């Protein structure tokens, strides 16, 4: 059932994202089965066309293990998706094979560092070193780097210090129904606006 379910998820995600602020992307996790499906590129193309969502606002996440299955076919599918303008990210980097050759074979837009390293970085120097290394690789290859599982302000400040360009986790929000996302965006906009006004008032 993963093929029809996956198609429904992509179409639903694209439709939902059209109600979001224009600069916000929506990420959809893909299973290895979807990557080897002949219909994936066509589904992504039609979902974007029917919803009117910009391809750059759709991000498809794959794991390292996907890259090891039928390598030639996988590369062809990913390149076709990339040619559409869709963003491709490698999820849970560091927990699988972590082959750096994968980053040379395909121009990923983003690398997502697994949450296990974030949760342990305050107590384990090796976890912190891995986050630092992945961030450096991202900068060198022109890729964004996301730290997953950020739950505290201290963790956020630390991953930011180590060079991660994005952070994801419960510190910002727990999973919410689609109907509550608009309120979340509005609250974030108000907070950003309030901070900007505070900075302006302080400067003047």
Protein backbone atom coordinates (compact mmCIF):
# COMPACT_ATOMS: atom_id res chain seq x y z
CA UNK A 1 0.00 0.00 0.00
CA UNK A 2 2.99 2.33 0.31
CA UNK A 3 2.76 3.46 -3.33
CA UNK A 4 -0.85 4.73 -3.22
CA UNK A 5 -0.41 6.04 0.34
CA UNK A 6 2.79 7.82 -0.67
CA UNK A 7 1.06 9.40 -3.66
CA UNK A 8 -1.76 10.63 -1.42
CA UNK A 9 0.76 12.12 1.02
CA UNK A 10 2.63 14.02 -1.71
CA UNK A 11 -0.56 15.41 -3.21
CA UNK A 12 -2.01 16.34 0.18
CA UNK A 13 1.26 17.97 1.27
CA UNK A 14 1.45 20.08 -1.89
CA UNK A 15 -2.16 21.22 -1.53
CA UNK A 16 -1.65 22.09 2.14
CA UNK A 17 1.59 23.99 1.50
CA UNK A 18 -0.16 26.37 -0.90
CA UNK A 19 -1.87 27.89 2.17
CA UNK A 20 1.48 28.56 3.89
CA UNK A 21 3.75 31.62 3.60
CA UNK A 22 5.45 31.57 0.20
CA UNK A 23 8.99 31.13 1.54
CA UNK A 24 8.15 28.04 3.63
CA UNK A 25 8.92 24.57 2.26
CA UNK A 26 7.14 21.34 3.08
CA UNK A 27 9.14 18.12 3.50
CA UNK A 28 7.85 14.65 2.67
CA UNK A 29 9.65 11.45 3.66
CA UNK A 30 10.00 8.87 0.89
CA UNK A 31 10.29 5.15 1.41
CA UNK A 32 12.76 3.01 -0.58
CA UNK A 33 9.77 1.45 -2.34
CA UNK A 34 8.64 4.83 -3.65
CA UNK A 35 12.08 5.67 -5.02
CA UNK A 36 12.07 2.54 -7.17
CA UNK A 37 8.53 3.20 -8.40
CA UNK A 38 8.18 4.31 -12.01
CA UNK A 39 5.37 6.66 -11.05
CA UNK A 40 7.17 8.82 -8.47
CA UNK A 41 8.39 11.55 -10.84
CA UNK A 42 5.02 11.72 -12.59
CA UNK A 43 3.22 11.95 -9.24
CA UNK A 44 5.45 14.79 -8.05
CA UNK A 45 5.05 16.63 -11.34
CA UNK A 46 1.25 16.35 -11.39
CA UNK A 47 0.94 17.18 -7.66
CA UNK A 48 2.87 20.40 -8.21
CA UNK A 49 0.90 21.29 -11.33
CA UNK A 50 -2.51 20.59 -9.79
CA UNK A 51 -1.77 22.42 -6.54
CA UNK A 52 0.13 25.32 -8.08
CA UNK A 53 2.90 24.92 -5.51
CA UNK A 54 6.36 26.04 -6.58
CA UNK A 55 8.70 23.06 -7.00
CA UNK A 56 11.27 24.78 -4.79
CA UNK A 57 8.78 24.63 -1.90
CA UNK A 58 8.64 20.82 -2.01
CA UNK A 59 11.39 18.89 -0.27
CA UNK A 60 11.66 15.11 -0.52
CA UNK A 61 13.63 13.31 2.18
CA UNK A 62 15.40 10.00 1.65
CA UNK A 63 17.64 7.91 3.87
CA UNK A 64 21.13 6.66 3.09
CA UNK A 65 19.92 3.11 2.57
CA UNK A 66 17.82 4.28 -0.38
CA UNK A 67 20.99 5.24 -2.23
CA UNK A 68 22.31 1.70 -1.96
CA UNK A 69 19.34 0.08 -3.67
CA UNK A 70 19.56 -0.18 -7.46
CA UNK A 71 21.99 2.71 -7.51
CA UNK A 72 21.64 3.55 -11.20
CA UNK A 73 17.84 3.66 -11.14
CA UNK A 74 17.80 5.63 -7.89
CA UNK A 75 20.16 8.21 -9.31
CA UNK A 76 18.04 8.58 -12.42
CA UNK A 77 14.85 9.15 -10.40
CA UNK A 78 16.53 11.64 -8.05
CA UNK A 79 18.01 13.58 -10.94
CA UNK A 80 14.63 13.78 -12.65
CA UNK A 81 13.08 15.09 -9.45
CA UNK A 82 15.90 17.58 -9.05
CA UNK A 83 15.43 18.74 -12.63
CA UNK A 84 11.82 19.58 -11.74
CA UNK A 85 13.18 21.99 -9.14
CA UNK A 86 12.24 19.80 -6.18
CA UNK A 87 14.67 19.91 -3.25
CA UNK A 88 16.23 16.60 -2.15
CA UNK A 89 17.57 16.04 1.36
CA UNK A 90 19.36 13.13 3.02
CA UNK A 91 17.61 12.27 6.27
CA UNK A 92 19.16 10.71 9.41
CA UNK A 93 22.69 11.20 8.11
CA UNK A 94 25.21 9.42 10.31
CA UNK A 95 23.09 6.46 11.35
CA UNK A 96 23.43 4.26 8.26
CA UNK A 97 26.42 3.76 6.02
CA UNK A 98 27.33 7.45 5.98
CA UNK A 99 29.32 7.03 2.80
CA UNK A 100 30.71 10.38 1.74
CA UNK A 101 30.76 9.09 -1.82
CA UNK A 102 26.95 9.43 -1.78
CA UNK A 103 27.37 13.18 -1.40
CA UNK A 104 29.53 13.22 -4.52
CA UNK A 105 27.19 11.08 -6.60
CA UNK A 106 24.16 13.29 -6.10
CA UNK A 107 23.86 17.05 -5.41
CA UNK A 108 21.73 16.96 -2.27
CA UNK A 109 20.24 20.27 -1.20
CA UNK A 110 20.35 19.37 2.47
CA UNK A 111 21.88 16.94 4.98
CA UNK A 112 19.89 16.20 8.13
CA UNK A 113 21.93 15.08 11.14
CA UNK A 114 20.18 12.40 13.16
CA UNK A 115 18.58 13.38 16.46
CA UNK A 116 20.69 10.86 18.41
CA UNK A 117 23.77 13.07 17.98
CA UNK A 118 21.91 16.17 19.15
CA UNK A 119 20.57 14.47 22.27
CA UNK A 120 24.05 13.24 23.24
CA UNK A 121 26.23 16.18 22.20
CA UNK A 122 26.26 17.81 25.64
CA UNK A 123 27.67 14.64 27.21
CA UNK A 124 29.66 13.08 24.37
CA UNK A 125 32.43 14.90 22.55
CA UNK A 126 32.22 12.48 19.63
CA UNK A 127 28.58 13.38 18.97
CA UNK A 128 29.45 17.06 18.99
CA UNK A 129 32.39 16.39 16.67
CA UNK A 130 30.10 14.59 14.20
CA UNK A 131 27.67 17.53 14.14
CA UNK A 132 30.59 19.90 13.58
CA UNK A 133 31.99 17.72 10.78
CA UNK A 134 28.65 17.35 8.99
CA UNK A 135 28.12 21.11 9.18
CA UNK A 136 31.57 21.71 7.69
CA UNK A 137 30.86 19.23 4.88
CA UNK A 138 27.60 21.02 4.14
CA UNK A 139 29.31 24.38 3.90
CA UNK A 140 32.04 22.99 1.63
CA UNK A 141 29.54 21.33 -0.71
CA UNK A 142 27.03 24.17 -0.69
CA UNK A 143 24.36 22.17 1.15
CA UNK A 144 22.10 23.19 4.02
CA UNK A 145 22.51 21.24 7.25
CA UNK A 146 19.64 20.51 9.63
CA UNK A 147 20.05 19.35 13.23
CA UNK A 148 17.12 17.06 14.10
CA UNK A 149 15.65 16.57 17.56
CA UNK A 150 16.44 19.99 19.03
CA UNK A 151 14.39 20.18 22.23
CA UNK A 152 16.12 22.81 24.39
CA UNK A 153 17.44 26.32 23.93
CA UNK A 154 20.94 25.13 24.92
CA UNK A 155 20.88 22.51 22.17
CA UNK A 156 19.74 25.12 19.67
CA UNK A 157 22.52 27.53 20.60
CA UNK A 158 25.09 24.73 20.40
CA UNK A 159 24.12 23.43 16.96
CA UNK A 160 23.98 27.00 15.70
CA UNK A 161 27.47 27.60 17.08
CA UNK A 162 28.72 24.45 15.33
CA UNK A 163 27.51 25.72 11.97
CA UNK A 164 24.14 24.03 11.38
CA UNK A 165 22.03 26.22 9.12
CA UNK A 166 18.68 24.84 10.28
CA UNK A 167 17.24 23.16 13.36
CA UNK A 168 14.17 20.97 13.81
CA UNK A 169 12.50 19.68 16.95
CA UNK A 170 10.08 20.10 19.83
CA UNK A 171 11.74 23.37 20.88
CA UNK A 172 9.87 24.97 17.99
CA UNK A 173 6.73 22.86 17.90
CA UNK A 174 5.37 19.40 18.43
CA UNK A 175 3.49 17.76 15.54
CA UNK A 176 0.20 19.54 14.88
CA UNK A 177 -2.90 18.92 12.78
CA UNK A 178 -2.93 20.82 9.49
CA UNK A 179 -5.68 23.09 10.76
CA UNK A 180 -3.41 24.47 13.50
CA UNK A 181 -0.44 25.28 11.28
CA UNK A 182 -1.79 28.68 10.22
CA UNK A 183 -1.99 29.72 13.88
CA UNK A 184 1.59 28.51 14.43
CA UNK A 185 2.87 30.62 11.53
CA UNK A 186 0.95 33.66 12.81
CA UNK A 187 2.42 33.29 16.29
CA UNK A 188 5.94 32.97 14.88
CA UNK A 189 5.40 36.06 12.72
CA UNK A 190 4.27 38.06 15.75
CA UNK A 191 7.32 36.96 17.76
CA UNK A 192 9.72 37.87 14.94
CA UNK A 193 8.01 41.23 14.51
CA UNK A 194 8.19 41.93 18.23
CA UNK A 195 11.91 41.11 18.33
CA UNK A 196 12.56 43.33 15.31
CA UNK A 197 10.74 46.24 16.95
CA UNK A 198 12.71 45.70 20.16
CA UNK A 199 16.01 45.77 18.27
CA UNK A 200 14.94 48.92 16.42
CA UNK A 201 13.93 50.63 19.66
CA UNK A 202 17.23 49.64 21.30
CA UNK A 203 19.25 50.90 18.36
CA UNK A 204 17.50 54.24 18.33
